[in-house]
Amino acid sequence: MNTHRVTATVQDDGTVILNSLPFKAGVSLDVILVEQSKDMTPPQTPLGDNPLKGSILYFESPLEPAVSVDEWNALQ
């Protein structure tokens, strides 16, 4: 699945124009429209493709299982 996000404005006649989409002509798409609140700005990714770069990540027990072995259904 290839996902692409774009911000657009509804025209006076009720249409929305989407230009320069990264899909080939004739490809069928699902379209979901979400109204933005007035104080919401489009998401910015100043670090390009790595938005978590420079953020602090800490794992207390990175090698411990997320679910206890007793609760894991795959062993049954």
C-alpha atoms as a PDB file:
ATOM      1  CA  MET A   1       0.000   0.000   0.000  1.00  0.00           C
ATOM      2  CA  ASN A   2       1.413   3.356  -1.024  1.00  0.00           C
ATOM      3  CA  THR A   3       0.148   6.262   1.102  1.00  0.00           C
ATOM      4  CA  HIS A   4       0.493   9.933   0.184  1.00  0.00           C
ATOM      5  CA  ARG A   5      -0.633  12.904   2.271  1.00  0.00           C
ATOM      6  CA  VAL A   6      -1.546  16.235   0.727  1.00  0.00           C
ATOM      7  CA  THR A   7      -3.278  19.341   2.063  1.00  0.00           C
ATOM      8  CA  ALA A   8      -5.889  20.978  -0.158  1.00  0.00           C
ATOM      9  CA  THR A   9      -8.589  23.628   0.065  1.00  0.00           C
ATOM     10  CA  VAL A  10     -12.200  23.178  -1.004  1.00  0.00           C
ATOM     11  CA  GLN A  11     -13.020  25.500  -3.914  1.00  0.00           C
ATOM     12  CA  ASP A  12     -16.129  27.728  -4.054  1.00  0.00           C
ATOM     13  CA  ASP A  13     -17.877  25.160  -6.262  1.00  0.00           C
ATOM     14  CA  GLY A  14     -17.220  22.365  -3.722  1.00  0.00           C
ATOM     15  CA  THR A  15     -14.396  20.684  -5.626  1.00  0.00           C
ATOM     16  CA  VAL A  16     -10.952  19.725  -4.388  1.00  0.00           C
ATOM     17  CA  ILE A  17      -8.051  19.771  -6.846  1.00  0.00           C
ATOM     18  CA  LEU A  18      -5.084  17.464  -6.265  1.00  0.00           C
ATOM     19  CA  ASN A  19      -2.060  18.073  -8.475  1.00  0.00           C
ATOM     20  CA  SER A  20       1.195  16.147  -8.961  1.00  0.00           C
ATOM     21  CA  LEU A  21       0.086  12.949  -7.260  1.00  0.00           C
ATOM     22  CA  PRO A  22       2.698  10.155  -7.194  1.00  0.00           C
ATOM     23  CA  PHE A  23       0.362   7.599  -8.795  1.00  0.00           C
ATOM     24  CA  LYS A  24       0.065   6.396 -12.369  1.00  0.00           C
ATOM     25  CA  ALA A  25      -2.964   7.369 -14.437  1.00  0.00           C
ATOM     26  CA  GLY A  26      -5.794   4.882 -14.089  1.00  0.00           C
ATOM     27  CA  VAL A  27      -4.833   3.653 -10.596  1.00  0.00           C
ATOM     28  CA  SER A  28      -7.843   3.225  -8.298  1.00  0.00           C
ATOM     29  CA  LEU A  29      -7.528   5.137  -4.996  1.00  0.00           C
ATOM     30  CA  ASP A  30      -9.393   5.293  -1.689  1.00  0.00           C
ATOM     31  CA  VAL A  31      -9.893   8.919  -0.671  1.00  0.00           C
ATOM     32  CA  ILE A  32     -10.496   9.988   2.941  1.00  0.00           C
ATOM     33  CA  LEU A  33     -11.101  13.667   3.669  1.00  0.00           C
ATOM     34  CA  VAL A  34     -10.429  15.052   7.160  1.00  0.00           C
ATOM     35  CA  GLU A  35     -11.278  18.649   8.013  1.00  0.00           C
ATOM     36  CA  GLN A  36      -8.431  20.423   9.798  1.00  0.00           C
ATOM     37  CA  SER A  37      -9.182  22.558  12.820  1.00  0.00           C
ATOM     38  CA  LYS A  38      -8.322  26.224  12.350  1.00  0.00           C
ATOM     39  CA  ASP A  39      -5.370  26.071  14.755  1.00  0.00           C
ATOM     40  CA  MET A  40      -3.947  22.912  13.183  1.00  0.00           C
ATOM     41  CA  THR A  41      -1.060  23.298  10.784  1.00  0.00           C
ATOM     42  CA  PRO A  42       0.062  20.584   8.383  1.00  0.00           C
ATOM     43  CA  PRO A  43       2.650  18.255   9.907  1.00  0.00           C
ATOM     44  CA  GLN A  44       6.209  19.390   9.373  1.00  0.00           C
ATOM     45  CA  THR A  45       9.164  17.031   9.194  1.00  0.00           C
ATOM     46  CA  PRO A  46      12.186  19.308   9.436  1.00  0.00           C
ATOM     47  CA  LEU A  47      14.497  16.309   9.614  1.00  0.00           C
ATOM     48  CA  GLY A  48      13.269  14.813   6.358  1.00  0.00           C
ATOM     49  CA  ASP A  49      12.574  11.091   6.383  1.00  0.00           C
ATOM     50  CA  ASN A  50      13.808  10.598   9.963  1.00  0.00           C
ATOM     51  CA  PRO A  51      11.497  12.599  12.272  1.00  0.00           C
ATOM     52  CA  LEU A  52      12.755  10.762  15.400  1.00  0.00           C
ATOM     53  CA  LYS A  53      16.394  11.664  14.796  1.00  0.00           C
ATOM     54  CA  GLY A  54      17.800  13.377  17.865  1.00  0.00           C
ATOM     55  CA  SER A  55      14.899  12.359  20.103  1.00  0.00           C
ATOM     56  CA  ILE A  56      15.631  10.549  23.353  1.00  0.00           C
ATOM     57  CA  LEU A  57      14.640   6.902  23.348  1.00  0.00           C
ATOM     58  CA  TYR A  58      15.166   4.638  26.344  1.00  0.00           C
ATOM     59  CA  PHE A  59      14.181   1.011  26.788  1.00  0.00           C
ATOM     60  CA  GLU A  60      14.352  -0.397  30.322  1.00  0.00           C
ATOM     61  CA  SER A  61      14.436  -4.011  29.192  1.00  0.00           C
ATOM     62  CA  PRO A  62      14.710  -4.104  25.410  1.00  0.00           C
ATOM     63  CA  LEU A  63      15.252  -7.867  25.255  1.00  0.00           C
ATOM     64  CA  GLU A  64      12.394  -8.838  27.563  1.00  0.00           C
ATOM     65  CA  PRO A  65       9.219 -10.183  25.919  1.00  0.00           C
ATOM     66  CA  ALA A  66       6.263  -7.810  25.763  1.00  0.00           C
ATOM     67  CA  VAL A  67       3.934 -10.549  27.043  1.00  0.00           C
ATOM     68  CA  SER A  68       4.770 -13.043  29.753  1.00  0.00           C
ATOM     69  CA  VAL A  69       5.516 -16.584  28.558  1.00  0.00           C
ATOM     70  CA  ASP A  70       2.484 -17.872  30.528  1.00  0.00           C
ATOM     71  CA  GLU A  71       0.152 -15.632  28.501  1.00  0.00           C
ATOM     72  CA  TRP A  72       1.621 -16.424  25.089  1.00  0.00           C
ATOM     73  CA  ASN A  73      -0.927 -18.500  23.115  1.00  0.00           C
ATOM     74  CA  ALA A  74       1.611 -19.666  20.538  1.00  0.00           C
ATOM     75  CA  LEU A  75       3.115 -22.100  23.059  1.00  0.00           C
ATOM     76  CA  GLN A  76      -0.197 -23.913  23.570  1.00  0.00           C
END
